[in-house]
């Protein structure tokens, strides 16, 4: 039975994911309804990408020097405020393109450091509770899959019973509740070990931790944050792309999958269902994918030892490709939902595997830098995918856009299967020890 810090971590993660999954359905629909232009929606995502990237790097700088639990709580509260302001502004002045940019940037200040802080806490929580990291990543992915079923379905229900923008109040509430759950984690969780003892300490050789109050503030003086962020970016890029061929290849694969999926979820499907007069189906579509991910993640958690990592990897890639091609044909709703479920089914094991590689290959002392840089890069990849989808819709219409995205997914699959770095995934103890030091091209 889960207890202690593990349970509280999962509750906080689930609440945050629930709010984000609701917002992920509602915000594109609100944006399309207010602007009436798919290309404008894609342009907005691209405009916000660089400021979001900067926030991600600054967040990574903070996380290697300040209490990660405190950063997580504060970030959730900022996210709640940014989302709550959307219906407030809409009711008083009306939402415009400029308001979407301003509130999107405010949300990035909270979302990016908070997401990275929660990721950085996960291995520490596992170590504290004596939980196997690989199995816990699979269990966490299963919970995430469950949330991606309930959240979008709830969003579809909310859109059906209230004005679309008012559904964001639920997201704000979830973010506040996530902050409260994170605040209950044990005091020592998230504290950063000092790199050197202070001269005035009575026990010079004892390890120190930075407390969430005065010591944390002293560890991150404002005047050095920019310099630190530059160092974090350098360290993070070096950790992600320079030390392990496996980590480098898995990160690049994640980027390719993320770009195509963001095109689908961020603009293509909302525009497709809005054009069909059934915007609420956007949430149900994502829920269908979540059902598949839940089943796939549970199967991987229970059966991960029955097959090698390479076998799971190949099966997952091929299965995801089948689902993506089915989606690209944009068939009638039942077949479209079935394709989404197939994609999710095989994405569950793949997501758990890639998550395990990220946590297992990153060194403890650079975890904040690496994960902060990784999440910041996702904030560029995602908007690029949304902009790509909006550009394709404006140029060649939605039906042709689906075929192009299916072709891109096939290309990503072929490259991943042929990658030398993704052939030996450390299944054997003898190779696992050297995998983290492996060098080579993807």
Protein backbone atom coordinates (compact mmCIF):
# COMPACT_ATOMS: atom_id res chain seq x y z
CA UNK A 1 0.00 0.00 0.00
CA UNK A 2 1.29 3.44 -0.89
CA UNK A 3 1.86 5.71 2.08
CA UNK A 4 3.81 8.68 3.29
CA UNK A 5 5.68 10.89 0.86
CA UNK A 6 4.91 8.65 -2.14
CA UNK A 7 1.15 8.97 -1.69
CA UNK A 8 1.30 12.72 -1.14
CA UNK A 9 3.51 13.14 -4.18
CA UNK A 10 1.07 11.19 -6.32
CA UNK A 11 -1.90 13.21 -5.02
CA UNK A 12 -0.15 16.49 -5.83
CA UNK A 13 0.87 15.20 -9.26
CA UNK A 14 -2.66 13.97 -10.02
CA UNK A 15 -4.27 17.28 -9.03
CA UNK A 16 -1.80 19.26 -11.13
CA UNK A 17 -2.28 16.95 -14.11
CA UNK A 18 -6.06 17.15 -13.78
CA UNK A 19 -6.01 20.93 -13.94
CA UNK A 20 -3.60 20.93 -16.86
CA UNK A 21 -5.61 18.33 -18.78
CA UNK A 22 -8.78 20.40 -18.42
CA UNK A 23 -6.95 23.54 -19.52
CA UNK A 24 -5.38 21.64 -22.43
CA UNK A 25 -8.86 21.00 -23.83
CA UNK A 26 -10.52 24.29 -22.93
CA UNK A 27 -7.81 26.82 -23.84
CA UNK A 28 -7.48 25.94 -27.56
CA UNK A 29 -11.26 26.08 -27.92
CA UNK A 30 -11.43 29.46 -26.17
CA UNK A 31 -8.57 30.71 -28.32
CA UNK A 32 -10.25 29.59 -31.55
CA UNK A 33 -13.58 31.03 -30.43
CA UNK A 34 -12.06 34.44 -29.62
CA UNK A 35 -9.65 34.77 -32.57
CA UNK A 36 -11.49 32.71 -35.19
CA UNK A 37 -8.18 31.91 -36.88
CA UNK A 38 -6.16 28.71 -36.56
CA UNK A 39 -2.99 30.45 -37.78
CA UNK A 40 -3.38 33.13 -35.11
CA UNK A 41 -3.62 30.41 -32.48
CA UNK A 42 -0.43 28.81 -33.77
CA UNK A 43 1.33 32.16 -33.93
CA UNK A 44 0.41 32.85 -30.31
CA UNK A 45 2.07 29.61 -29.22
CA UNK A 46 5.22 30.49 -31.17
CA UNK A 47 5.35 34.04 -29.76
CA UNK A 48 5.26 32.68 -26.21
CA UNK A 49 7.86 29.97 -26.88
CA UNK A 50 11.08 31.93 -26.27
CA UNK A 51 9.89 33.68 -23.05
CA UNK A 52 8.68 30.30 -21.81
CA UNK A 53 12.07 28.80 -22.64
CA UNK A 54 13.79 31.53 -20.62
CA UNK A 55 11.48 30.86 -17.67
CA UNK A 56 12.34 27.19 -17.92
CA UNK A 57 16.08 27.85 -17.80
CA UNK A 58 15.72 30.27 -14.88
CA UNK A 59 13.61 27.64 -13.14
CA UNK A 60 16.35 25.08 -13.67
CA UNK A 61 18.86 27.50 -12.15
CA UNK A 62 16.65 27.89 -9.12
CA UNK A 63 16.06 24.18 -8.62
CA UNK A 64 19.71 23.23 -8.15
CA UNK A 65 20.07 25.87 -5.43
CA UNK A 66 16.69 26.29 -3.71
CA UNK A 67 14.26 23.95 -1.98
CA UNK A 68 12.40 22.11 -4.73
CA UNK A 69 9.29 21.57 -2.64
CA UNK A 70 8.95 25.30 -2.01
CA UNK A 71 9.42 26.03 -5.73
CA UNK A 72 6.74 23.44 -6.54
CA UNK A 73 4.21 24.99 -4.13
CA UNK A 74 4.87 28.56 -5.24
CA UNK A 75 4.69 27.63 -8.92
CA UNK A 76 1.32 25.91 -8.53
CA UNK A 77 -0.09 29.02 -6.85
CA UNK A 78 1.19 31.26 -9.66
CA UNK A 79 -0.32 28.89 -12.23
CA UNK A 80 -3.65 29.02 -10.42
CA UNK A 81 -3.61 32.83 -10.52
CA UNK A 82 -2.76 32.96 -14.24
CA UNK A 83 -5.62 30.62 -15.16
CA UNK A 84 -8.14 32.34 -12.87
CA UNK A 85 -7.37 35.68 -14.54
CA UNK A 86 -8.58 34.40 -17.93
CA UNK A 87 -12.31 34.30 -17.06
CA UNK A 88 -11.90 37.49 -15.01
CA UNK A 89 -10.39 39.40 -17.93
CA UNK A 90 -12.93 37.91 -20.33
CA UNK A 91 -15.80 39.12 -18.13
CA UNK A 92 -14.45 42.64 -17.59
CA UNK A 93 -12.60 43.65 -20.77
CA UNK A 94 -12.92 40.72 -23.14
CA UNK A 95 -10.06 38.48 -24.20
CA UNK A 96 -7.88 39.68 -27.04
CA UNK A 97 -4.72 38.39 -28.67
CA UNK A 98 -2.62 40.58 -26.37
CA UNK A 99 -4.33 39.27 -23.25
CA UNK A 100 -3.67 35.69 -24.31
CA UNK A 101 0.02 36.52 -24.71
CA UNK A 102 0.27 38.29 -21.34
CA UNK A 103 -1.56 35.61 -19.37
CA UNK A 104 0.29 32.85 -21.20
CA UNK A 105 3.59 34.36 -20.11
CA UNK A 106 2.39 34.62 -16.51
CA UNK A 107 1.38 30.98 -16.64
CA UNK A 108 4.85 30.02 -17.88
CA UNK A 109 6.40 31.57 -14.77
CA UNK A 110 4.50 29.02 -12.73
CA UNK A 111 4.06 26.03 -15.02
CA UNK A 112 7.64 25.50 -16.11
CA UNK A 113 9.51 25.66 -12.77
CA UNK A 114 6.68 23.77 -11.10
CA UNK A 115 6.75 20.95 -13.63
CA UNK A 116 10.53 20.68 -13.34
CA UNK A 117 10.45 20.83 -9.53
CA UNK A 118 7.93 17.99 -9.38
CA UNK A 119 10.05 15.90 -11.77
CA UNK A 120 13.18 16.54 -9.70
CA UNK A 121 11.38 15.48 -6.52
CA UNK A 122 10.32 12.09 -7.91
CA UNK A 123 13.65 10.18 -7.53
CA UNK A 124 14.15 11.67 -4.07
CA UNK A 125 10.69 10.55 -2.93
CA UNK A 126 11.38 7.04 -4.27
CA UNK A 127 14.71 6.85 -2.44
CA UNK A 128 13.17 8.07 0.82
CA UNK A 129 10.39 5.48 0.72
CA UNK A 130 12.51 2.63 -0.66
CA UNK A 131 10.48 2.38 -3.88
CA UNK A 132 12.03 1.05 -7.11
CA UNK A 133 12.41 3.96 -9.52
CA UNK A 134 11.59 2.07 -12.72
CA UNK A 135 8.41 0.57 -11.25
CA UNK A 136 7.35 3.88 -9.72
CA UNK A 137 7.80 5.68 -13.04
CA UNK A 138 5.46 3.09 -14.56
CA UNK A 139 2.95 3.53 -11.71
CA UNK A 140 3.15 7.30 -12.01
CA UNK A 141 2.54 7.00 -15.73
CA UNK A 142 -0.52 4.85 -15.01
CA UNK A 143 -1.88 7.56 -12.73
CA UNK A 144 -1.16 10.14 -15.42
CA UNK A 145 -3.06 8.03 -17.92
CA UNK A 146 -6.02 7.81 -15.55
CA UNK A 147 -6.01 11.58 -15.20
CA UNK A 148 -5.90 12.02 -18.97
CA UNK A 149 -9.13 10.03 -19.08
CA UNK A 150 -10.95 11.88 -16.32
CA UNK A 151 -9.63 15.40 -17.02
CA UNK A 152 -10.62 15.79 -20.68
CA UNK A 153 -13.92 13.99 -20.07
CA UNK A 154 -14.62 16.43 -17.26
CA UNK A 155 -13.66 19.28 -19.58
CA UNK A 156 -16.16 18.02 -22.17
CA UNK A 157 -18.85 17.91 -19.47
CA UNK A 158 -17.99 21.41 -18.24
CA UNK A 159 -18.08 22.84 -21.76
CA UNK A 160 -21.55 21.35 -22.18
CA UNK A 161 -23.01 22.91 -19.03
CA UNK A 162 -21.27 26.30 -18.76
CA UNK A 163 -19.50 28.93 -20.87
CA UNK A 164 -16.19 27.52 -22.09
CA UNK A 165 -14.01 30.03 -20.28
CA UNK A 166 -15.66 29.36 -16.90
CA UNK A 167 -14.35 25.78 -16.96
CA UNK A 168 -10.93 27.25 -16.21
CA UNK A 169 -12.03 27.92 -12.63
CA UNK A 170 -11.75 24.18 -12.08
CA UNK A 171 -8.16 24.26 -13.34
CA UNK A 172 -7.31 27.06 -10.90
CA UNK A 173 -8.85 25.09 -8.04
CA UNK A 174 -6.84 21.97 -8.95
CA UNK A 175 -3.59 23.97 -9.00
CA UNK A 176 -4.30 25.37 -5.53
CA UNK A 177 -5.07 21.89 -4.21
CA UNK A 178 -1.85 20.55 -5.77
CA UNK A 179 0.13 23.25 -3.97
CA UNK A 180 -1.50 22.29 -0.67
CA UNK A 181 -0.66 18.60 -1.20
CA UNK A 182 2.98 19.38 -2.07
CA UNK A 183 3.27 21.49 1.06
CA UNK A 184 2.55 18.40 3.19
CA UNK A 185 5.63 16.51 1.94
CA UNK A 186 8.18 15.87 4.72
CA UNK A 187 10.37 18.81 5.56
CA UNK A 188 13.59 17.23 4.33
CA UNK A 189 12.19 16.40 0.88
CA UNK A 190 13.36 18.90 -1.70
CA UNK A 191 16.13 20.43 0.41
CA UNK A 192 19.42 20.85 -1.45
CA UNK A 193 22.62 19.52 0.08
CA UNK A 194 25.23 22.23 0.48
CA UNK A 195 28.34 21.76 -1.63
CA UNK A 196 30.62 22.89 1.18
CA UNK A 197 30.21 23.37 4.94
CA UNK A 198 30.01 26.84 6.41
CA UNK A 199 32.98 27.81 8.62
CA UNK A 200 30.79 28.59 11.58
CA UNK A 201 29.19 25.14 11.58
CA UNK A 202 29.83 23.09 14.72
CA UNK A 203 30.17 19.84 12.79
CA UNK A 204 32.31 20.67 9.81
CA UNK A 205 32.06 17.30 8.15
CA UNK A 206 28.29 16.87 8.51
CA UNK A 207 26.19 17.27 5.35
CA UNK A 208 24.13 20.43 5.24
CA UNK A 209 20.78 21.15 3.65
CA UNK A 210 19.37 24.42 2.51
CA UNK A 211 16.21 25.19 4.40
CA UNK A 212 13.11 26.49 2.58
CA UNK A 213 13.44 29.90 4.21
CA UNK A 214 16.48 32.09 4.79
CA UNK A 215 19.11 29.61 3.57
CA UNK A 216 17.25 29.07 0.30
CA UNK A 217 17.09 32.78 -0.36
CA UNK A 218 20.75 33.18 0.52
CA UNK A 219 21.62 30.33 -1.88
CA UNK A 220 20.04 32.13 -4.85
CA UNK A 221 20.89 35.86 -4.75
CA UNK A 222 18.97 37.74 -7.40
CA UNK A 223 22.06 39.39 -8.89
CA UNK A 224 23.56 36.03 -9.86
CA UNK A 225 20.44 34.30 -11.20
CA UNK A 226 21.11 35.17 -14.86
CA UNK A 227 24.69 34.00 -14.66
CA UNK A 228 23.56 30.84 -12.93
CA UNK A 229 20.89 30.26 -15.57
CA UNK A 230 23.52 30.41 -18.31
CA UNK A 231 25.57 27.84 -16.45
CA UNK A 232 22.48 25.67 -15.92
CA UNK A 233 21.70 25.75 -19.65
CA UNK A 234 25.26 24.69 -20.45
CA UNK A 235 25.22 21.93 -17.83
CA UNK A 236 21.74 20.78 -18.84
CA UNK A 237 22.56 20.57 -22.54
CA UNK A 238 25.80 18.76 -21.76
CA UNK A 239 23.97 16.28 -19.53
CA UNK A 240 21.16 15.65 -22.02
CA UNK A 241 23.18 15.47 -25.23
CA UNK A 242 26.87 14.99 -24.37
CA UNK A 243 27.20 12.25 -21.77
CA UNK A 244 24.95 9.35 -22.78
CA UNK A 245 24.07 8.26 -26.29
CA UNK A 246 20.95 6.52 -24.95
CA UNK A 247 19.74 9.65 -23.19
CA UNK A 248 20.47 11.79 -26.23
CA UNK A 249 18.58 9.49 -28.56
CA UNK A 250 15.60 9.09 -26.22
CA UNK A 251 15.32 12.87 -25.78
CA UNK A 252 15.37 13.43 -29.54
CA UNK A 253 12.73 10.73 -29.99
CA UNK A 254 10.59 12.39 -27.33
CA UNK A 255 10.89 15.69 -29.18
CA UNK A 256 9.76 14.15 -32.46
CA UNK A 257 6.75 12.46 -30.88
CA UNK A 258 5.90 15.57 -28.86
CA UNK A 259 5.96 17.84 -31.90
CA UNK A 260 3.53 15.69 -33.88
CA UNK A 261 1.24 15.06 -30.89
CA UNK A 262 1.15 18.77 -30.02
CA UNK A 263 0.07 19.50 -33.59
CA UNK A 264 -2.83 17.10 -33.14
CA UNK A 265 -3.93 18.11 -29.66
CA UNK A 266 -2.98 21.77 -29.75
CA UNK A 267 -4.71 22.86 -32.96
CA UNK A 268 -5.66 20.18 -35.53
CA UNK A 269 -8.25 18.29 -33.50
CA UNK A 270 -9.75 21.38 -31.81
CA UNK A 271 -10.11 22.97 -35.26
CA UNK A 272 -11.48 19.74 -36.76
CA UNK A 273 -14.13 19.25 -34.09
CA UNK A 274 -14.99 22.97 -33.99
CA UNK A 275 -15.46 22.92 -37.77
CA UNK A 276 -17.73 19.86 -37.31
CA UNK A 277 -19.82 21.70 -34.70
CA UNK A 278 -18.87 19.29 -31.91
CA UNK A 279 -16.08 20.97 -29.90
CA UNK A 280 -16.84 18.85 -26.82
CA UNK A 281 -15.56 15.79 -28.69
CA UNK A 282 -12.04 17.19 -28.32
CA UNK A 283 -12.09 16.22 -24.66
CA UNK A 284 -13.62 12.82 -25.33
CA UNK A 285 -10.97 12.10 -27.98
CA UNK A 286 -8.18 12.82 -25.49
CA UNK A 287 -9.99 10.65 -22.95
CA UNK A 288 -10.02 7.76 -25.44
CA UNK A 289 -6.29 8.14 -25.80
CA UNK A 290 -6.00 8.23 -22.02
CA UNK A 291 -7.89 4.93 -21.72
CA UNK A 292 -5.34 3.33 -24.00
CA UNK A 293 -2.43 4.86 -22.07
CA UNK A 294 -3.83 3.62 -18.77
CA UNK A 295 -4.13 0.04 -20.04
CA UNK A 296 -0.69 0.19 -21.65
CA UNK A 297 0.97 1.67 -18.56
CA UNK A 298 -0.63 -0.89 -16.24
CA UNK A 299 0.47 -3.69 -18.56
CA UNK A 300 4.02 -2.35 -18.61
CA UNK A 301 4.11 -1.95 -14.81
CA UNK A 302 2.93 -5.53 -14.29
CA UNK A 303 4.86 -7.20 -17.11
CA UNK A 304 7.96 -5.05 -17.58
CA UNK A 305 10.23 -7.93 -16.52
CA UNK A 306 8.74 -10.39 -19.02
CA UNK A 307 10.21 -8.67 -22.07
CA UNK A 308 13.46 -6.86 -22.69
CA UNK A 309 13.42 -3.07 -22.88
CA UNK A 310 14.28 -3.31 -26.56
CA UNK A 311 11.25 -5.55 -27.16
CA UNK A 312 8.96 -3.13 -25.32
CA UNK A 313 10.51 -0.29 -27.31
CA UNK A 314 9.96 -1.87 -30.73
CA UNK A 315 6.43 -3.07 -29.99
CA UNK A 316 5.48 0.35 -28.62
CA UNK A 317 6.89 2.22 -31.60
CA UNK A 318 5.10 0.06 -34.15
CA UNK A 319 1.81 0.13 -32.27
CA UNK A 320 1.92 3.91 -31.90
CA UNK A 321 2.57 4.21 -35.61
CA UNK A 322 -0.54 2.17 -36.45
CA UNK A 323 -2.69 4.42 -34.25
CA UNK A 324 -1.15 7.61 -35.65
CA UNK A 325 -1.78 6.55 -39.25
CA UNK A 326 -5.39 5.74 -38.36
CA UNK A 327 -5.79 9.21 -36.87
CA UNK A 328 -4.18 10.80 -39.91
CA UNK A 329 -6.94 9.45 -42.13
CA UNK A 330 -9.48 11.43 -40.04
CA UNK A 331 -12.18 8.74 -40.28
CA UNK A 332 -15.61 8.89 -38.67
CA UNK A 333 -15.68 9.49 -34.90
CA UNK A 334 -15.79 5.81 -33.78
CA UNK A 335 -12.75 4.86 -35.87
CA UNK A 336 -10.97 8.07 -34.92
CA UNK A 337 -11.51 7.31 -31.23
CA UNK A 338 -10.34 3.71 -31.75
CA UNK A 339 -7.15 4.97 -33.42
CA UNK A 340 -6.56 7.31 -30.49
CA UNK A 341 -7.01 4.42 -28.05
CA UNK A 342 -4.49 2.29 -30.00
CA UNK A 343 -1.99 5.14 -29.99
CA UNK A 344 -2.44 5.58 -26.25
CA UNK A 345 -2.19 1.84 -25.58
CA UNK A 346 1.31 1.64 -27.02
CA UNK A 347 2.33 5.12 -25.85
CA UNK A 348 1.95 3.99 -22.22
CA UNK A 349 4.98 1.66 -22.20
CA UNK A 350 6.95 4.05 -24.43
CA UNK A 351 6.37 6.99 -22.09
CA UNK A 352 7.40 4.95 -19.07
CA UNK A 353 10.57 3.76 -20.83
CA UNK A 354 11.60 7.25 -21.94
CA UNK A 355 10.87 8.61 -18.48
CA UNK A 356 13.00 5.90 -16.90
CA UNK A 357 15.91 6.67 -19.24
CA UNK A 358 15.70 10.37 -18.38
CA UNK A 359 15.77 9.76 -14.62
CA UNK A 360 18.25 6.89 -14.69
CA UNK A 361 20.85 8.48 -16.98
CA UNK A 362 20.90 11.93 -15.37
CA UNK A 363 23.30 12.41 -12.47
CA UNK A 364 21.88 13.55 -9.13
CA UNK A 365 23.97 16.72 -8.94
CA UNK A 366 22.75 17.91 -12.35
CA UNK A 367 19.18 16.66 -12.15
CA UNK A 368 17.64 20.12 -11.71
CA UNK A 369 19.71 21.55 -14.57
CA UNK A 370 19.00 18.64 -16.93
CA UNK A 371 15.27 18.39 -16.22
CA UNK A 372 14.88 22.17 -16.26
CA UNK A 373 16.59 22.37 -19.63
CA UNK A 374 14.57 19.42 -20.94
CA UNK A 375 11.24 20.94 -19.88
CA UNK A 376 12.31 24.30 -21.29
CA UNK A 377 13.11 22.67 -24.63
CA UNK A 378 9.68 21.06 -24.64
CA UNK A 379 8.27 24.58 -24.42
CA UNK A 380 9.83 25.30 -27.79
CA UNK A 381 9.02 21.93 -29.35
CA UNK A 382 5.35 22.13 -28.36
CA UNK A 383 4.67 25.57 -29.86
CA UNK A 384 6.59 24.57 -32.98
CA UNK A 385 4.21 21.63 -33.35
CA UNK A 386 1.16 23.85 -32.82
CA UNK A 387 2.45 26.38 -35.33
CA UNK A 388 3.20 23.60 -37.81
CA UNK A 389 -0.36 22.29 -37.50
CA UNK A 390 -1.92 25.75 -37.83
CA UNK A 391 0.21 26.53 -40.88
CA UNK A 392 -0.76 23.26 -42.55
CA UNK A 393 -4.46 23.86 -41.84
CA UNK A 394 -4.26 27.34 -43.35
CA UNK A 395 -2.37 26.08 -46.40
CA UNK A 396 -3.78 22.67 -47.30
CA UNK A 397 -6.90 22.25 -45.11
CA UNK A 398 -7.49 19.77 -42.30
CA UNK A 399 -7.84 16.52 -44.27
CA UNK A 400 -4.47 16.90 -45.97
CA UNK A 401 -2.93 18.04 -42.68
CA UNK A 402 -3.87 14.70 -41.12
CA UNK A 403 -2.03 12.82 -43.86
CA UNK A 404 1.07 14.98 -43.49
CA UNK A 405 1.18 14.38 -39.73
CA UNK A 406 0.78 10.63 -40.28
CA UNK A 407 3.74 10.73 -42.69
CA UNK A 408 5.85 12.60 -40.15
CA UNK A 409 5.05 9.99 -37.51
CA UNK A 410 6.13 7.17 -39.85
CA UNK A 411 9.42 9.00 -40.44
CA UNK A 412 10.05 9.37 -36.69
CA UNK A 413 9.33 5.66 -36.21
CA UNK A 414 11.76 4.57 -38.93
CA UNK A 415 14.55 6.79 -37.59
CA UNK A 416 14.04 5.54 -34.01
CA UNK A 417 14.07 1.87 -35.04
CA UNK A 418 17.26 2.37 -37.05
CA UNK A 419 19.10 4.38 -34.38
CA UNK A 420 22.21 2.52 -33.10
CA UNK A 421 21.94 4.23 -29.71
CA UNK A 422 18.47 2.78 -29.16
CA UNK A 423 19.41 -0.85 -29.81
CA UNK A 424 21.18 -1.67 -26.54
CA UNK A 425 18.89 -0.30 -23.82
CA UNK A 426 20.81 -1.68 -20.86
CA UNK A 427 18.78 -4.86 -20.37
CA UNK A 428 21.76 -6.79 -19.07
CA UNK A 429 23.61 -5.84 -15.89
CA UNK A 430 26.94 -5.84 -17.72
CA UNK A 431 25.77 -3.27 -20.23
CA UNK A 432 23.64 -1.23 -17.83
CA UNK A 433 26.70 -0.09 -15.93
CA UNK A 434 28.38 1.37 -18.98
CA UNK A 435 25.32 2.61 -20.83
CA UNK A 436 25.36 5.95 -19.05
CA UNK A 437 28.89 6.57 -20.30
CA UNK A 438 28.27 5.41 -23.86
CA UNK A 439 29.22 7.92 -26.51
CA UNK A 440 28.25 7.92 -30.16
CA UNK A 441 25.94 9.34 -32.72
CA UNK A 442 22.22 8.73 -32.66
